[in-house]
Amino acid sequence: MTRLLGVLPYAAAIAVALVLPRAMYPVLALDILLWGLFAMSVDLLLGYVGLLSFGHAAFWGLGAYAAAIAAKSTGVPFAIAALVGAAASGLLAVPFGYLAIRRRGIYFAMVTLAFAQLVFYVANEWRDVTGGENGLHGVPRTFPALGRSADFYYAALPLILLGYALAYRIVHSPFGHVLVAIRDNEPRAQALGYATWRYKLLAFVLSGGLAGLAGGLFALGNGFASLDLLHWTTSGQAVLITILGGIGTLWGSLLGAVIVLELRDALTSAPEASGVVTGAVFVVIVLAFRRGLWATGRGALRRFAAPLVSARIDISEGEVRHGRS
């Protein structure tokens, strides 16, 4: 029964993912899952290593451009193109991370922002490859029977779930426990013999690769890759989604993506009000749910379930005593 209860939430999540395109536009459903994965990559650093990155748009955008170029120039299946985007972002994260992890706090955030702006500038100037301000359009989805958006959603879903599973495995492995130890007290982790810079660099590379996978699938699903994907505001939106869901919760990133993208979709007829409404919602959530929506909701559920579990234990103990008597 305990194992069944442990598997039940994941089974329910997969069931929701399967029916999501029937409850909303398939493109919006795909964007929610991809932005959730993108925010998870940010939370991997922010929540579990304590490093705030304002430059993750570089990996999201590079993954999108690399996947788009691979699909347009070689005609490879979309899954391979998406993995090319993830690999390109992971490779870029190696030098960026090696230099950035030498700083902490606001200095780390500024260094990552500077690197992201460098990638934005290169993409803007390298027009023969990236299309400059026009971006890359008409990105194909090379795979049998992918005529509709819903078809691509279901085809891309295994890769997205693989990204979620990888993020979950990272934070719940011994490697993830070391990351939390570094976040809480890096000098003590060093005293225990851990080469903390290696762990932080590997976490940075894994985070960049997950962001690149999400960006590659985003470009393939929407059929374009543009400079907006590399802009610093894209990094800010990913951080916003992470904070809304709850820092260090991982799954809260997906909840934050639902809120932000649903608000943006609902306010498409009044784009000038989108920023105001999203900002107001952000202020309310930060003030009322300081740990984020996921952590606050989970805490409330535990408080609600605690008396029921306690009553069940008392009943069980009473039955045991009655049986003995």
Protein backbone atom coordinates (compact mmCIF):
# COMPACT_ATOMS: atom_id res chain seq x y z
CA MET A 1 0.00 0.00 0.00
CA THR A 2 2.85 2.40 0.81
CA ARG A 3 4.50 1.74 -2.54
CA LEU A 4 1.18 2.21 -4.30
CA LEU A 5 0.64 5.57 -2.61
CA GLY A 6 4.17 6.59 -3.58
CA VAL A 7 3.58 5.78 -7.26
CA LEU A 8 0.08 7.25 -7.37
CA PRO A 9 1.10 10.96 -7.71
CA TYR A 10 3.38 10.18 -10.66
CA ALA A 11 0.71 8.10 -12.37
CA ALA A 12 -1.75 10.95 -11.88
CA ALA A 13 0.77 13.45 -13.30
CA ILE A 14 1.30 11.32 -16.42
CA ALA A 15 -2.46 10.99 -16.85
CA VAL A 16 -2.84 14.79 -16.64
CA ALA A 17 -0.05 15.23 -19.19
CA LEU A 18 -1.83 12.84 -21.57
CA VAL A 19 -5.17 14.66 -21.42
CA LEU A 20 -3.75 18.20 -21.27
CA PRO A 21 -3.97 18.88 -25.05
CA ARG A 22 -7.67 18.07 -24.91
CA ALA A 23 -8.28 20.62 -22.15
CA MET A 24 -6.43 23.50 -23.86
CA TYR A 25 -4.64 24.39 -27.06
CA PRO A 26 -1.97 21.75 -27.79
CA VAL A 27 0.63 24.46 -28.44
CA LEU A 28 -0.10 26.07 -25.06
CA ALA A 29 0.02 22.67 -23.34
CA LEU A 30 3.42 22.00 -24.91
CA ASP A 31 4.72 25.44 -23.92
CA ILE A 32 3.64 24.87 -20.30
CA LEU A 33 5.57 21.62 -20.06
CA LEU A 34 8.64 23.11 -21.75
CA TRP A 35 8.69 26.27 -19.64
CA GLY A 36 8.25 24.05 -16.59
CA LEU A 37 11.34 22.07 -17.62
CA PHE A 38 13.22 25.31 -18.29
CA ALA A 39 12.31 26.62 -14.82
CA MET A 40 13.37 23.28 -13.31
CA SER A 41 16.82 23.78 -14.81
CA VAL A 42 16.96 27.17 -13.09
CA ASP A 43 15.73 25.67 -9.81
CA LEU A 44 18.42 22.99 -10.01
CA LEU A 45 20.96 25.78 -9.47
CA LEU A 46 18.92 28.21 -7.38
CA GLY A 47 17.14 25.79 -5.07
CA TYR A 48 19.74 23.05 -4.68
CA VAL A 49 23.10 24.82 -5.13
CA GLY A 50 22.12 28.34 -4.05
CA LEU A 51 23.25 29.97 -7.33
CA LEU A 52 20.93 32.49 -8.98
CA SER A 53 21.45 32.51 -12.74
CA PHE A 54 20.19 35.41 -14.83
CA GLY A 55 21.74 33.97 -17.97
CA HIS A 56 19.85 30.75 -18.56
CA ALA A 57 18.25 32.24 -21.65
CA ALA A 58 21.60 31.57 -23.34
CA PHE A 59 21.07 27.80 -22.98
CA TRP A 60 17.34 27.91 -23.75
CA GLY A 61 17.98 30.02 -26.86
CA LEU A 62 21.08 28.13 -28.02
CA GLY A 63 19.18 24.85 -27.72
CA ALA A 64 16.41 26.35 -29.84
CA TYR A 65 18.78 27.63 -32.54
CA ALA A 66 20.87 24.45 -32.61
CA ALA A 67 17.78 22.23 -32.94
CA ALA A 68 16.29 24.52 -35.61
CA ILE A 69 19.50 24.57 -37.65
CA ALA A 70 19.90 20.79 -37.36
CA ALA A 71 16.31 20.20 -38.47
CA LYS A 72 16.46 22.65 -41.39
CA SER A 73 19.92 21.83 -42.73
CA THR A 74 20.07 18.05 -42.28
CA GLY A 75 16.43 17.00 -42.00
CA VAL A 76 17.10 14.74 -39.00
CA PRO A 77 14.13 13.51 -36.92
CA PHE A 78 12.93 16.03 -34.36
CA ALA A 79 14.12 13.92 -31.41
CA ILE A 80 17.70 13.96 -32.67
CA ALA A 81 17.47 17.70 -33.37
CA ALA A 82 16.26 18.31 -29.81
CA LEU A 83 19.13 16.25 -28.41
CA VAL A 84 21.53 18.27 -30.57
CA GLY A 85 20.16 21.40 -28.90
CA ALA A 86 20.64 19.89 -25.44
CA ALA A 87 24.20 18.83 -26.28
CA ALA A 88 25.07 22.28 -27.66
CA SER A 89 23.79 23.99 -24.53
CA GLY A 90 25.60 21.53 -22.29
CA LEU A 91 28.87 22.17 -24.12
CA LEU A 92 28.40 25.94 -23.85
CA ALA A 93 27.76 25.56 -20.13
CA VAL A 94 31.22 24.08 -19.56
CA PRO A 95 33.29 27.26 -20.15
CA PHE A 96 30.53 29.55 -18.88
CA GLY A 97 30.16 27.53 -15.69
CA TYR A 98 33.91 27.19 -15.17
CA LEU A 99 34.22 30.97 -15.06
CA ALA A 100 30.90 31.78 -13.34
CA ILE A 101 31.18 29.43 -10.35
CA ARG A 102 34.22 31.33 -9.17
CA ARG A 103 31.78 33.98 -7.95
CA ARG A 104 28.84 33.82 -5.54
CA GLY A 105 25.66 35.75 -4.89
CA ILE A 106 24.91 38.79 -7.01
CA TYR A 107 28.31 38.52 -8.71
CA PHE A 108 27.44 35.07 -10.03
CA ALA A 109 24.12 36.40 -11.32
CA MET A 110 25.81 39.31 -13.09
CA VAL A 111 28.46 37.08 -14.69
CA THR A 112 25.80 34.73 -16.09
CA LEU A 113 23.82 37.73 -17.35
CA ALA A 114 26.92 39.05 -19.12
CA PHE A 115 27.55 35.69 -20.79
CA ALA A 116 23.92 35.51 -21.94
CA GLN A 117 24.14 38.97 -23.48
CA LEU A 118 27.30 37.87 -25.27
CA VAL A 119 25.41 34.95 -26.84
CA PHE A 120 22.56 37.32 -27.75
CA TYR A 121 25.02 39.65 -29.51
CA VAL A 122 26.65 36.80 -31.46
CA ALA A 123 23.27 35.47 -32.58
CA ASN A 124 22.20 38.95 -33.68
CA GLU A 125 25.37 39.54 -35.71
CA TRP A 126 25.74 36.06 -37.22
CA ARG A 127 22.86 36.61 -39.63
CA ASP A 128 23.93 34.02 -42.19
CA VAL A 129 23.33 31.26 -39.64
CA THR A 130 20.77 32.63 -37.19
CA GLY A 131 18.82 34.99 -39.41
CA GLY A 132 19.62 37.96 -37.17
CA GLU A 133 16.57 39.92 -36.08
CA ASN A 134 14.32 37.83 -38.33
CA GLY A 135 15.29 34.56 -36.67
CA LEU A 136 14.76 31.13 -38.18
CA HIS A 137 11.27 30.29 -39.43
CA GLY A 138 9.70 27.26 -41.01
CA VAL A 139 11.53 24.80 -38.76
CA PRO A 140 10.36 21.31 -39.83
CA ARG A 141 9.16 18.53 -37.55
CA THR A 142 10.74 15.63 -39.36
CA PHE A 143 8.91 12.54 -38.17
CA PRO A 144 6.10 10.35 -39.54
CA ALA A 145 2.52 11.51 -38.88
CA LEU A 146 3.25 14.88 -37.25
CA GLY A 147 0.78 17.00 -39.15
CA ARG A 148 -1.09 18.46 -36.18
CA SER A 149 0.15 20.25 -33.06
CA ALA A 150 -1.41 17.56 -30.86
CA ASP A 151 0.56 14.92 -32.74
CA PHE A 152 3.84 16.69 -31.99
CA TYR A 153 2.83 17.13 -28.35
CA TYR A 154 2.47 13.38 -27.86
CA ALA A 155 5.61 12.66 -29.88
CA ALA A 156 7.67 15.09 -27.77
CA LEU A 157 6.12 14.04 -24.44
CA PRO A 158 8.54 11.11 -23.82
CA LEU A 159 11.54 13.45 -24.20
CA ILE A 160 9.95 15.99 -21.85
CA LEU A 161 9.18 13.32 -19.26
CA LEU A 162 12.76 12.10 -19.63
CA GLY A 163 13.96 15.61 -18.78
CA TYR A 164 11.70 15.71 -15.72
CA ALA A 165 12.90 12.27 -14.62
CA LEU A 166 16.53 13.31 -15.04
CA ALA A 167 16.00 16.44 -12.94
CA TYR A 168 14.24 14.41 -10.24
CA ARG A 169 17.00 11.81 -10.24
CA ILE A 170 19.70 14.47 -9.96
CA VAL A 171 18.28 16.10 -6.83
CA HIS A 172 17.38 12.79 -5.13
CA SER A 173 20.74 11.11 -5.71
CA PRO A 174 23.85 11.26 -3.51
CA PHE A 175 25.11 13.88 -5.96
CA GLY A 176 22.04 15.99 -5.21
CA HIS A 177 22.58 15.61 -1.47
CA VAL A 178 26.11 16.94 -1.88
CA LEU A 179 24.70 19.92 -3.79
CA VAL A 180 22.39 20.70 -0.88
CA ALA A 181 25.32 20.41 1.52
CA ILE A 182 27.26 22.90 -0.61
CA ARG A 183 24.28 25.23 -0.60
CA ASP A 184 23.93 25.09 3.17
CA ASN A 185 27.60 25.24 4.13
CA GLU A 186 30.26 25.05 1.41
CA PRO A 187 33.30 25.31 3.75
CA ARG A 188 32.03 22.34 5.74
CA ALA A 189 31.50 20.35 2.54
CA GLN A 190 35.07 21.15 1.53
CA ALA A 191 36.29 20.06 4.95
CA LEU A 192 34.56 16.71 4.41
CA GLY A 193 36.69 16.20 1.30
CA TYR A 194 34.31 17.21 -1.50
CA ALA A 195 35.74 19.15 -4.45
CA THR A 196 32.82 21.59 -4.38
CA TRP A 197 33.79 23.41 -7.58
CA ARG A 198 33.47 20.15 -9.54
CA TYR A 199 30.01 19.51 -8.16
CA LYS A 200 28.91 23.05 -8.93
CA LEU A 201 30.34 22.89 -12.45
CA LEU A 202 28.62 19.57 -13.17
CA ALA A 203 25.33 20.92 -11.80
CA PHE A 204 25.74 23.99 -14.04
CA VAL A 205 26.34 21.79 -17.11
CA LEU A 206 23.38 19.52 -16.34
CA SER A 207 21.18 22.56 -15.79
CA GLY A 208 22.29 24.05 -19.11
CA GLY A 209 21.63 20.77 -20.90
CA LEU A 210 18.07 20.54 -19.53
CA ALA A 211 17.41 24.14 -20.56
CA GLY A 212 18.76 23.36 -24.04
CA LEU A 213 16.50 20.32 -24.37
CA ALA A 214 13.48 22.44 -23.46
CA GLY A 215 14.53 25.21 -25.85
CA GLY A 216 15.12 22.78 -28.71
CA LEU A 217 11.67 21.23 -28.33
CA PHE A 218 10.17 24.72 -28.06
CA ALA A 219 11.67 25.76 -31.42
CA LEU A 220 10.58 22.53 -33.09
CA GLY A 221 7.09 22.68 -31.63
CA ASN A 222 6.50 26.32 -32.56
CA GLY A 223 8.38 26.21 -35.86
CA PHE A 224 10.75 29.11 -35.20
CA ALA A 225 13.75 30.32 -33.21
CA SER A 226 14.11 34.05 -32.57
CA LEU A 227 16.28 36.45 -30.62
CA ASP A 228 13.60 36.79 -27.96
CA LEU A 229 14.59 33.34 -26.74
CA LEU A 230 18.06 34.69 -25.91
CA HIS A 231 16.97 37.97 -24.34
CA TRP A 232 17.65 38.61 -20.65
CA THR A 233 13.93 39.00 -19.98
CA THR A 234 13.52 35.32 -20.84
CA SER A 235 15.90 34.46 -18.00
CA GLY A 236 13.92 36.75 -15.71
CA GLN A 237 10.68 35.02 -16.61
CA ALA A 238 12.17 31.61 -15.82
CA VAL A 239 13.32 32.90 -12.42
CA LEU A 240 9.84 34.35 -11.84
CA ILE A 241 8.22 30.99 -12.61
CA THR A 242 10.63 29.25 -10.22
CA ILE A 243 9.88 31.66 -7.38
CA LEU A 244 6.12 31.43 -7.91
CA GLY A 245 6.17 27.65 -7.71
CA GLY A 246 8.66 27.55 -4.86
CA ILE A 247 12.45 27.54 -4.76
CA GLY A 248 13.93 24.12 -4.10
CA THR A 249 10.69 22.24 -4.79
CA LEU A 250 11.43 21.22 -8.41
CA TRP A 251 7.78 20.41 -9.24
CA GLY A 252 6.76 23.91 -8.21
CA SER A 253 8.38 25.11 -11.43
CA LEU A 254 5.69 23.33 -13.41
CA LEU A 255 2.96 24.92 -11.29
CA GLY A 256 4.50 28.36 -11.80
CA ALA A 257 4.62 27.75 -15.56
CA VAL A 258 0.90 26.95 -15.57
CA ILE A 259 0.08 30.23 -13.81
CA VAL A 260 2.32 32.49 -15.90
CA LEU A 261 1.46 31.02 -19.29
CA GLU A 262 -2.27 30.77 -18.57
CA LEU A 263 -2.26 34.44 -17.54
CA ARG A 264 -0.36 35.41 -20.66
CA ASP A 265 -2.76 33.42 -22.84
CA ALA A 266 -5.81 34.91 -21.13
CA LEU A 267 -4.46 38.45 -21.65
CA THR A 268 -3.48 38.10 -25.31
CA SER A 269 -6.22 40.57 -26.25
CA ALA A 270 -4.66 43.17 -23.87
CA PRO A 271 -0.88 42.62 -24.04
CA GLU A 272 -0.17 45.94 -22.32
CA ALA A 273 -1.94 44.64 -19.19
CA SER A 274 -0.10 41.32 -19.15
CA GLY A 275 2.94 42.64 -17.29
CA VAL A 276 0.81 44.51 -14.76
CA VAL A 277 -1.42 41.53 -13.96
CA THR A 278 1.50 39.08 -13.80
CA GLY A 279 3.40 41.47 -11.52
CA ALA A 280 0.39 41.85 -9.23
CA VAL A 281 -0.04 38.08 -9.01
CA PHE A 282 3.66 37.73 -8.26
CA VAL A 283 3.47 40.28 -5.42
CA VAL A 284 0.43 38.58 -3.90
CA ILE A 285 2.01 35.13 -4.02
CA VAL A 286 5.31 36.35 -2.57
CA LEU A 287 3.52 38.08 0.30
CA ALA A 288 0.94 35.37 1.01
CA PHE A 289 2.93 32.26 0.08
CA ARG A 290 6.51 33.08 0.94
CA ARG A 291 7.77 29.56 0.29
CA GLY A 292 5.98 29.37 -3.07
CA LEU A 293 2.74 27.71 -4.07
CA TRP A 294 4.02 24.14 -4.12
CA ALA A 295 5.70 24.20 -0.71
CA THR A 296 2.80 26.06 0.91
CA GLY A 297 0.21 23.70 -0.55
CA ARG A 298 2.22 20.64 0.45
CA GLY A 299 2.59 21.96 4.01
CA ALA A 300 -1.15 22.64 4.26
CA LEU A 301 -1.92 19.13 2.99
CA ARG A 302 0.39 17.58 5.56
CA ARG A 303 -1.23 19.56 8.38
CA PHE A 304 -4.64 18.46 7.16
CA ALA A 305 -3.61 14.81 6.88
CA ALA A 306 -1.72 14.64 10.20
CA PRO A 307 -4.84 14.31 12.44
CA LEU A 308 -6.24 11.61 10.15
CA VAL A 309 -3.00 9.63 10.24
CA SER A 310 -2.79 10.06 14.03
CA ALA A 311 -6.38 8.87 14.48
CA ARG A 312 -5.69 5.83 12.29
CA ILE A 313 -2.62 4.95 14.37
CA ASP A 314 -4.63 5.29 17.60
CA ILE A 315 -7.33 2.99 16.20
CA SER A 316 -4.73 0.43 15.13
CA GLU A 317 -3.07 0.47 18.56
CA GLY A 318 -6.46 0.11 20.21
CA GLU A 319 -7.27 -2.92 18.06
CA VAL A 320 -3.93 -4.49 18.95
CA ARG A 321 -4.49 -3.94 22.69
CA HIS A 322 -8.02 -5.29 22.38
CA GLY A 323 -6.76 -8.38 20.59
CA ARG A 324 -4.16 -9.01 23.29
CA SER A 325 -6.71 -8.62 26.04
